[in-house]
PDB file of N, CA and C in Angstrom:
ATOM      1  N   MET A   1      35.503  13.143  17.161  1.00  0.00           N
ATOM      2  CA  MET A   1      34.880  12.055  16.457  1.00  0.00           C
ATOM      3  C   MET A   1      33.852  11.410  17.378  1.00  0.00           C
ATOM      4  N   THR A   2      32.684  11.116  16.830  1.00  0.00           N
ATOM      5  CA  THR A   2      31.622  10.458  17.578  1.00  0.00           C
ATOM      6  C   THR A   2      31.648   8.975  17.257  1.00  0.00           C
ATOM      7  N   ARG A   3      31.530   8.192  18.304  1.00  0.00           N
ATOM      8  CA  ARG A   3      31.466   6.744  18.114  1.00  0.00           C
ATOM      9  C   ARG A   3      30.052   6.270  18.394  1.00  0.00           C
ATOM     10  N   SER A   4      29.608   5.328  17.594  1.00  0.00           N
ATOM     11  CA  SER A   4      28.275   4.756  17.783  1.00  0.00           C
ATOM     12  C   SER A   4      28.369   3.249  17.799  1.00  0.00           C
ATOM     13  N   ILE A   5      27.560   2.657  18.615  1.00  0.00           N
ATOM     14  CA  ILE A   5      27.466   1.204  18.643  1.00  0.00           C
ATOM     15  C   ILE A   5      26.037   0.851  18.244  1.00  0.00           C
ATOM     16  N   ILE A   6      25.923   0.041  17.227  1.00  0.00           N
ATOM     17  CA  ILE A   6      24.610  -0.407  16.782  1.00  0.00           C
ATOM     18  C   ILE A   6      24.498  -1.883  17.108  1.00  0.00           C
ATOM     19  N   ARG A   7      23.579  -2.191  17.984  1.00  0.00           N
ATOM     20  CA  ARG A   7      23.392  -3.566  18.405  1.00  0.00           C
ATOM     21  C   ARG A   7      22.394  -4.247  17.481  1.00  0.00           C
ATOM     22  N   ALA A   8      22.725  -5.425  17.042  1.00  0.00           N
ATOM     23  CA  ALA A   8      21.837  -6.179  16.164  1.00  0.00           C
ATOM     24  C   ALA A   8      20.621  -6.647  16.952  1.00  0.00           C
ATOM     25  N   ALA A   9      19.474  -6.575  16.331  1.00  0.00           N
ATOM     26  CA  ALA A   9      18.239  -7.034  16.948  1.00  0.00           C
ATOM     27  C   ALA A   9      17.377  -7.663  15.859  1.00  0.00           C
ATOM     28  N   GLU A  10      16.522  -8.580  16.265  1.00  0.00           N
ATOM     29  CA  GLU A  10      15.672  -9.268  15.306  1.00  0.00           C
ATOM     30  C   GLU A  10      14.357  -8.521  15.126  1.00  0.00           C
ATOM     31  N   TRP A  11      13.980  -8.356  13.864  1.00  0.00           N
ATOM     32  CA  TRP A  11      12.729  -7.687  13.510  1.00  0.00           C
ATOM     33  C   TRP A  11      12.032  -8.507  12.432  1.00  0.00           C
ATOM     34  N   THR A  12      10.722  -8.401  12.366  1.00  0.00           N
ATOM     35  CA  THR A  12       9.935  -9.033  11.316  1.00  0.00           C
ATOM     36  C   THR A  12       9.142  -7.955  10.599  1.00  0.00           C
ATOM     37  N   LEU A  13       9.151  -8.003   9.273  1.00  0.00           N
ATOM     38  CA  LEU A  13       8.383  -7.072   8.464  1.00  0.00           C
ATOM     39  C   LEU A  13       7.182  -7.806   7.903  1.00  0.00           C
ATOM     40  N   GLY A  14       5.999  -7.246   8.109  1.00  0.00           N
ATOM     41  CA  GLY A  14       4.796  -7.896   7.609  1.00  0.00           C
ATOM     42  C   GLY A  14       3.690  -6.890   7.379  1.00  0.00           C
ATOM     43  N   ALA A  15       2.553  -7.384   6.998  1.00  0.00           N
ATOM     44  CA  ALA A  15       1.400  -6.529   6.734  1.00  0.00           C
ATOM     45  C   ALA A  15       0.908  -5.887   8.025  1.00  0.00           C
ATOM     46  N   GLU A  16       0.449  -4.649   7.906  1.00  0.00           N
ATOM     47  CA  GLU A  16      -0.158  -3.966   9.052  1.00  0.00           C
ATOM     48  C   GLU A  16      -1.499  -4.624   9.332  1.00  0.00           C
ATOM     49  N   THR A  17      -1.707  -5.040  10.562  1.00  0.00           N
ATOM     50  CA  THR A  17      -2.949  -5.727  10.915  1.00  0.00           C
ATOM     51  C   THR A  17      -3.747  -4.981  11.975  1.00  0.00           C
ATOM     52  N   ALA A  18      -3.387  -3.729  12.244  1.00  0.00           N
ATOM     53  CA  ALA A  18      -4.101  -2.951  13.251  1.00  0.00           C
ATOM     54  C   ALA A  18      -5.553  -2.754  12.823  1.00  0.00           C
ATOM     55  N   GLU A  19      -6.427  -2.638  13.799  1.00  0.00           N
ATOM     56  CA  GLU A  19      -7.844  -2.439  13.514  1.00  0.00           C
ATOM     57  C   GLU A  19      -8.041  -1.190  12.658  1.00  0.00           C
ATOM     58  N   GLY A  20      -8.781  -1.342  11.595  1.00  0.00           N
ATOM     59  CA  GLY A  20      -9.071  -0.220  10.711  1.00  0.00           C
ATOM     60  C   GLY A  20      -8.070  -0.006   9.591  1.00  0.00           C
ATOM     61  N   ALA A  21      -6.931  -0.677   9.654  1.00  0.00           N
ATOM     62  CA  ALA A  21      -5.924  -0.522   8.592  1.00  0.00           C
ATOM     63  C   ALA A  21      -6.367  -1.313   7.366  1.00  0.00           C
ATOM     64  N   PRO A  22      -6.416  -0.668   6.192  1.00  0.00           N
ATOM     65  CA  PRO A  22      -6.824  -1.410   4.997  1.00  0.00           C
ATOM     66  C   PRO A  22      -5.726  -2.365   4.542  1.00  0.00           C
ATOM     67  N   GLN A  23      -6.129  -3.440   3.887  1.00  0.00           N
ATOM     68  CA  GLN A  23      -5.145  -4.349   3.297  1.00  0.00           C
ATOM     69  C   GLN A  23      -4.471  -3.676   2.117  1.00  0.00           C
ATOM     70  N   GLY A  24      -5.214  -2.813   1.456  1.00  0.00           N
ATOM     71  CA  GLY A  24      -4.666  -2.078   0.328  1.00  0.00           C
ATOM     72  C   GLY A  24      -5.603  -0.966  -0.085  1.00  0.00           C
ATOM     73  N   ILE A  25      -5.061   0.038  -0.741  1.00  0.00           N
ATOM     74  CA  ILE A  25      -5.851   1.114  -1.329  1.00  0.00           C
ATOM     75  C   ILE A  25      -5.543   1.091  -2.820  1.00  0.00           C
ATOM     76  N   TYR A  26      -6.583   1.005  -3.630  1.00  0.00           N
ATOM     77  CA  TYR A  26      -6.422   0.851  -5.073  1.00  0.00           C
ATOM     78  C   TYR A  26      -6.960   2.071  -5.806  1.00  0.00           C
ATOM     79  N   SER A  27      -6.293   2.441  -6.891  1.00  0.00           N
ATOM     80  CA  SER A  27      -6.733   3.520  -7.750  1.00  0.00           C
ATOM     81  C   SER A  27      -6.120   3.321  -9.131  1.00  0.00           C
ATOM     82  N   ALA A  28      -6.531   4.158 -10.077  1.00  0.00           N
ATOM     83  CA  ALA A  28      -5.974   4.115 -11.428  1.00  0.00           C
ATOM     84  C   ALA A  28      -6.064   5.501 -12.031  1.00  0.00           C
ATOM     85  N   GLU A  29      -5.162   5.763 -12.970  1.00  0.00           N
ATOM     86  CA  GLU A  29      -5.134   7.039 -13.673  1.00  0.00           C
ATOM     87  C   GLU A  29      -5.069   6.782 -15.170  1.00  0.00           C
ATOM     88  N   CYS A  30      -5.918   7.449 -15.917  1.00  0.00           N
ATOM     89  CA  CYS A  30      -5.894   7.353 -17.366  1.00  0.00           C
ATOM     90  C   CYS A  30      -4.672   8.110 -17.884  1.00  0.00           C
ATOM     91  N   LEU A  31      -3.860   7.460 -18.676  1.00  0.00           N
ATOM     92  CA  LEU A  31      -2.646   8.098 -19.188  1.00  0.00           C
ATOM     93  C   LEU A  31      -2.941   9.051 -20.343  1.00  0.00           C
ATOM     94  N   ALA A  32      -4.124   8.954 -20.938  1.00  0.00           N
ATOM     95  CA  ALA A  32      -4.477   9.843 -22.042  1.00  0.00           C
ATOM     96  C   ALA A  32      -4.945  11.214 -21.550  1.00  0.00           C
ATOM     97  N   CYS A  33      -5.734  11.233 -20.465  1.00  0.00           N
ATOM     98  CA  CYS A  33      -6.318  12.505 -20.037  1.00  0.00           C
ATOM     99  C   CYS A  33      -6.069  12.850 -18.575  1.00  0.00           C
ATOM    100  N   GLY A  34      -5.516  11.922 -17.810  1.00  0.00           N
ATOM    101  CA  GLY A  34      -5.226  12.192 -16.412  1.00  0.00           C
ATOM    102  C   GLY A  34      -6.383  11.963 -15.458  1.00  0.00           C
ATOM    103  N   ALA A  35      -7.541  11.534 -15.968  1.00  0.00           N
ATOM    104  CA  ALA A  35      -8.669  11.243 -15.081  1.00  0.00           C
ATOM    105  C   ALA A  35      -8.274  10.124 -14.118  1.00  0.00           C
ATOM    106  N   GLN A  36      -8.797  10.219 -12.893  1.00  0.00           N
ATOM    107  CA  GLN A  36      -8.435   9.231 -11.883  1.00  0.00           C
ATOM    108  C   GLN A  36      -9.668   8.579 -11.282  1.00  0.00           C
ATOM    109  N   ALA A  37      -9.549   7.296 -11.027  1.00  0.00           N
ATOM    110  CA  ALA A  37     -10.594   6.557 -10.328  1.00  0.00           C
ATOM    111  C   ALA A  37     -10.583   6.961  -8.866  1.00  0.00           C
ATOM    112  N   GLN A  38     -11.736   6.922  -8.245  1.00  0.00           N
ATOM    113  CA  GLN A  38     -11.832   7.159  -6.807  1.00  0.00           C
ATOM    114  C   GLN A  38     -11.091   6.025  -6.083  1.00  0.00           C
ATOM    115  N   PRO A  39     -10.157   6.334  -5.187  1.00  0.00           N
ATOM    116  CA  PRO A  39      -9.460   5.266  -4.460  1.00  0.00           C
ATOM    117  C   PRO A  39     -10.437   4.429  -3.629  1.00  0.00           C
ATOM    118  N   THR A  40     -10.182   3.137  -3.549  1.00  0.00           N
ATOM    119  CA  THR A  40     -11.021   2.239  -2.759  1.00  0.00           C
ATOM    120  C   THR A  40     -10.161   1.426  -1.803  1.00  0.00           C
ATOM    121  N   ASP A  41     -10.703   1.168  -0.629  1.00  0.00           N
ATOM    122  CA  ASP A  41     -10.034   0.321   0.360  1.00  0.00           C
ATOM    123  C   ASP A  41     -10.376  -1.136   0.097  1.00  0.00           C
ATOM    124  N   ASN A  42      -9.368  -1.968   0.004  1.00  0.00           N
ATOM    125  CA  ASN A  42      -9.495  -3.429  -0.011  1.00  0.00           C
ATOM    126  C   ASN A  42     -10.175  -4.020  -1.248  1.00  0.00           C
ATOM    127  N   GLU A  43     -10.676  -3.225  -2.150  1.00  0.00           N
ATOM    128  CA  GLU A  43     -11.376  -3.734  -3.326  1.00  0.00           C
ATOM    129  C   GLU A  43     -10.838  -3.086  -4.586  1.00  0.00           C
ATOM    130  N   ARG A  44     -10.285  -3.882  -5.489  1.00  0.00           N
ATOM    131  CA  ARG A  44      -9.803  -3.305  -6.744  1.00  0.00           C
ATOM    132  C   ARG A  44     -10.843  -3.365  -7.853  1.00  0.00           C
ATOM    133  N   LEU A  45     -11.890  -4.180  -7.679  1.00  0.00           N
ATOM    134  CA  LEU A  45     -12.910  -4.320  -8.713  1.00  0.00           C
ATOM    135  C   LEU A  45     -13.554  -2.985  -9.106  1.00  0.00           C
ATOM    136  N   PRO A  46     -13.941  -2.113  -8.167  1.00  0.00           N
ATOM    137  CA  PRO A  46     -14.530  -0.834  -8.586  1.00  0.00           C
ATOM    138  C   PRO A  46     -13.582   0.003  -9.453  1.00  0.00           C
ATOM    139  N   VAL A  47     -12.305  -0.093  -9.215  1.00  0.00           N
ATOM    140  CA  VAL A  47     -11.319   0.646 -10.015  1.00  0.00           C
ATOM    141  C   VAL A  47     -11.214   0.034 -11.411  1.00  0.00           C
ATOM    142  N   GLU A  48     -11.246  -1.287 -11.492  1.00  0.00           N
ATOM    143  CA  GLU A  48     -11.217  -1.961 -12.790  1.00  0.00           C
ATOM    144  C   GLU A  48     -12.457  -1.610 -13.614  1.00  0.00           C
ATOM    145  N   VAL A  49     -13.619  -1.593 -12.969  1.00  0.00           N
ATOM    146  CA  VAL A  49     -14.863  -1.234 -13.653  1.00  0.00           C
ATOM    147  C   VAL A  49     -14.790   0.213 -14.134  1.00  0.00           C
ATOM    148  N   TRP A  50     -14.237   1.110 -13.295  1.00  0.00           N
ATOM    149  CA  TRP A  50     -14.078   2.507 -13.699  1.00  0.00           C
ATOM    150  C   TRP A  50     -13.242   2.605 -14.976  1.00  0.00           C
ATOM    151  N   ALA A  51     -12.126   1.878 -15.041  1.00  0.00           N
ATOM    152  CA  ALA A  51     -11.259   1.929 -16.226  1.00  0.00           C
ATOM    153  C   ALA A  51     -11.992   1.430 -17.470  1.00  0.00           C
ATOM    154  N   LEU A  52     -12.740   0.352 -17.331  1.00  0.00           N
ATOM    155  CA  LEU A  52     -13.494  -0.175 -18.469  1.00  0.00           C
ATOM    156  C   LEU A  52     -14.561   0.818 -18.939  1.00  0.00           C
ATOM    157  N   LYS A  53     -15.273   1.431 -17.990  1.00  0.00           N
ATOM    158  CA  LYS A  53     -16.289   2.425 -18.353  1.00  0.00           C
ATOM    159  C   LYS A  53     -15.645   3.661 -18.981  1.00  0.00           C
ATOM    160  N   HIS A  54     -14.495   4.074 -18.441  1.00  0.00           N
ATOM    161  CA  HIS A  54     -13.807   5.247 -18.976  1.00  0.00           C
ATOM    162  C   HIS A  54     -13.406   5.011 -20.431  1.00  0.00           C
ATOM    163  N   THR A  55     -12.894   3.825 -20.709  1.00  0.00           N
ATOM    164  CA  THR A  55     -12.542   3.506 -22.094  1.00  0.00           C
ATOM    165  C   THR A  55     -13.803   3.415 -22.957  1.00  0.00           C
ATOM    166  N   GLY A  56     -14.897   2.892 -22.397  1.00  0.00           N
ATOM    167  CA  GLY A  56     -16.149   2.828 -23.146  1.00  0.00           C
ATOM    168  C   GLY A  56     -16.631   4.213 -23.565  1.00  0.00           C
ATOM    169  N   LEU A  57     -16.434   5.202 -22.690  1.00  0.00           N
ATOM    170  CA  LEU A  57     -16.833   6.574 -22.997  1.00  0.00           C
ATOM    171  C   LEU A  57     -15.801   7.310 -23.844  1.00  0.00           C
ATOM    172  N   ASN A  58     -14.560   6.839 -23.796  1.00  0.00           N
ATOM    173  CA  ASN A  58     -13.436   7.460 -24.503  1.00  0.00           C
ATOM    174  C   ASN A  58     -12.616   6.362 -25.172  1.00  0.00           C
ATOM    175  N   PRO A  59     -13.062   5.858 -26.320  1.00  0.00           N
ATOM    176  CA  PRO A  59     -12.448   4.664 -26.925  1.00  0.00           C
ATOM    177  C   PRO A  59     -10.939   4.755 -27.195  1.00  0.00           C
ATOM    178  N   THR A  60     -10.380   5.948 -27.286  1.00  0.00           N
ATOM    179  CA  THR A  60      -8.935   6.043 -27.514  1.00  0.00           C
ATOM    180  C   THR A  60      -8.140   6.042 -26.210  1.00  0.00           C
ATOM    181  N   HIS A  61      -8.814   6.069 -25.072  1.00  0.00           N
ATOM    182  CA  HIS A  61      -8.145   6.060 -23.759  1.00  0.00           C
ATOM    183  C   HIS A  61      -8.029   4.614 -23.299  1.00  0.00           C
ATOM    184  N   ARG A  62      -6.894   4.003 -23.565  1.00  0.00           N
ATOM    185  CA  ARG A  62      -6.743   2.566 -23.290  1.00  0.00           C
ATOM    186  C   ARG A  62      -5.595   2.209 -22.372  1.00  0.00           C
ATOM    187  N   GLN A  63      -4.851   3.199 -21.918  1.00  0.00           N
ATOM    188  CA  GLN A  63      -3.724   2.903 -21.036  1.00  0.00           C
ATOM    189  C   GLN A  63      -3.947   3.576 -19.685  1.00  0.00           C
ATOM    190  N   TYR A  64      -3.632   2.819 -18.634  1.00  0.00           N
ATOM    191  CA  TYR A  64      -3.851   3.289 -17.272  1.00  0.00           C
ATOM    192  C   TYR A  64      -2.634   2.997 -16.406  1.00  0.00           C
ATOM    193  N   LYS A  65      -2.433   3.845 -15.457  1.00  0.00           N
ATOM    194  CA  LYS A  65      -1.443   3.560 -14.419  1.00  0.00           C
ATOM    195  C   LYS A  65      -2.231   3.046 -13.223  1.00  0.00           C
ATOM    196  N   ALA A  66      -2.039   1.775 -12.895  1.00  0.00           N
ATOM    197  CA  ALA A  66      -2.705   1.172 -11.740  1.00  0.00           C
ATOM    198  C   ALA A  66      -1.847   1.413 -10.508  1.00  0.00           C
ATOM    199  N   MET A  67      -2.498   1.816  -9.420  1.00  0.00           N
ATOM    200  CA  MET A  67      -1.762   2.110  -8.186  1.00  0.00           C
ATOM    201  C   MET A  67      -2.354   1.301  -7.035  1.00  0.00           C
ATOM    202  N   ALA A  68      -1.477   0.702  -6.260  1.00  0.00           N
ATOM    203  CA  ALA A  68      -1.892  -0.056  -5.077  1.00  0.00           C
ATOM    204  C   ALA A  68      -0.964   0.319  -3.930  1.00  0.00           C
ATOM    205  N   GLU A  69      -1.545   0.742  -2.833  1.00  0.00           N
ATOM    206  CA  GLU A  69      -0.773   1.056  -1.632  1.00  0.00           C
ATOM    207  C   GLU A  69      -1.033  -0.037  -0.609  1.00  0.00           C
ATOM    208  N   THR A  70       0.031  -0.512  -0.002  1.00  0.00           N
ATOM    209  CA  THR A  70      -0.107  -1.472   1.085  1.00  0.00           C
ATOM    210  C   THR A  70       0.582  -0.889   2.310  1.00  0.00           C
ATOM    211  N   PHE A  71       0.267  -1.441   3.457  1.00  0.00           N
ATOM    212  CA  PHE A  71       0.795  -0.916   4.712  1.00  0.00           C
ATOM    213  C   PHE A  71       1.538  -2.018   5.444  1.00  0.00           C
ATOM    214  N   TRP A  72       2.706  -1.672   5.944  1.00  0.00           N
ATOM    215  CA  TRP A  72       3.566  -2.639   6.631  1.00  0.00           C
ATOM    216  C   TRP A  72       3.760  -2.240   8.077  1.00  0.00           C
ATOM    217  N   ARG A  73       4.146  -3.216   8.872  1.00  0.00           N
ATOM    218  CA  ARG A  73       4.525  -2.985  10.265  1.00  0.00           C
ATOM    219  C   ARG A  73       5.792  -3.788  10.542  1.00  0.00           C
ATOM    220  N   VAL A  74       6.706  -3.178  11.259  1.00  0.00           N
ATOM    221  CA  VAL A  74       7.915  -3.858  11.712  1.00  0.00           C
ATOM    222  C   VAL A  74       7.695  -4.227  13.176  1.00  0.00           C
ATOM    223  N   THR A  75       7.891  -5.499  13.484  1.00  0.00           N
ATOM    224  CA  THR A  75       7.619  -6.014  14.827  1.00  0.00           C
ATOM    225  C   THR A  75       8.886  -6.636  15.406  1.00  0.00           C
ATOM    226  N   PRO A  76       9.209  -6.311  16.661  1.00  0.00           N
ATOM    227  CA  PRO A  76      10.379  -6.923  17.292  1.00  0.00           C
ATOM    228  C   PRO A  76      10.111  -8.402  17.603  1.00  0.00           C
ATOM    229  N   THR A  77      11.125  -9.228  17.385  1.00  0.00           N
ATOM    230  CA  THR A  77      11.003 -10.657  17.669  1.00  0.00           C
ATOM    231  C   THR A  77      12.239 -11.131  18.420  1.00  0.00           C
ATOM    232  N   GLY A  78      12.203 -12.387  18.808  1.00  0.00           N
ATOM    233  CA  GLY A  78      13.364 -13.008  19.441  1.00  0.00           C
ATOM    234  C   GLY A  78      13.839 -12.247  20.670  1.00  0.00           C
ATOM    235  N   ASP A  79      15.147 -11.945  20.718  1.00  0.00           N
ATOM    236  CA  ASP A  79      15.753 -11.257  21.861  1.00  0.00           C
ATOM    237  C   ASP A  79      15.738  -9.741  21.723  1.00  0.00           C
ATOM    238  N   ASN A  80      14.997  -9.211  20.791  1.00  0.00           N
ATOM    239  CA  ASN A  80      14.927  -7.764  20.593  1.00  0.00           C
ATOM    240  C   ASN A  80      14.383  -7.115  21.862  1.00  0.00           C
ATOM    241  N   PRO A  81      15.097  -6.129  22.434  1.00  0.00           N
ATOM    242  CA  PRO A  81      14.644  -5.513  23.677  1.00  0.00           C
ATOM    243  C   PRO A  81      13.306  -4.779  23.544  1.00  0.00           C
ATOM    244  N   TYR A  82      12.927  -4.394  22.356  1.00  0.00           N
ATOM    245  CA  TYR A  82      11.646  -3.709  22.163  1.00  0.00           C
ATOM    246  C   TYR A  82      10.456  -4.672  22.255  1.00  0.00           C
ATOM    247  N   ARG A  83      10.734  -5.958  22.195  1.00  0.00           N
ATOM    248  CA  ARG A  83       9.665  -6.952  22.282  1.00  0.00           C
ATOM    249  C   ARG A  83       8.934  -6.832  23.607  1.00  0.00           C
ATOM    250  N   GLU A  84       9.682  -6.683  24.703  1.00  0.00           N
ATOM    251  CA  GLU A  84       9.068  -6.529  26.023  1.00  0.00           C
ATOM    252  C   GLU A  84       8.339  -5.186  26.105  1.00  0.00           C
ATOM    253  N   HIS A  85       8.884  -4.166  25.478  1.00  0.00           N
ATOM    254  CA  HIS A  85       8.291  -2.831  25.494  1.00  0.00           C
ATOM    255  C   HIS A  85       6.933  -2.835  24.820  1.00  0.00           C
ATOM    256  N   ASP A  86       6.776  -3.607  23.738  1.00  0.00           N
ATOM    257  CA  ASP A  86       5.522  -3.663  23.001  1.00  0.00           C
ATOM    258  C   ASP A  86       4.465  -4.542  23.659  1.00  0.00           C
ATOM    259  N   ALA A  87       4.891  -5.391  24.589  1.00  0.00           N
ATOM    260  CA  ALA A  87       3.945  -6.339  25.208  1.00  0.00           C
ATOM    261  C   ALA A  87       2.953  -5.664  26.114  1.00  0.00           C
TER     262      ALA A  87
END
């Protein structure tokens, strides 16, 4: 039998703030035909405009799956031994 000891440590979960990391990536997919908007970093307006134009060209295509990806980072805090390692 293997024994393990897991020591409690403090962590914080938050948005990824590294240089170059997007706040979000947005896209949409037409549920009628599967057409997809070009994904955009940090701006959902171009995707919304794409959906409106797509429906304008295809009046029966009115439902979309909106997709948004966000990025998180877990950071050691308090007495977490990894806090010194990250410094």
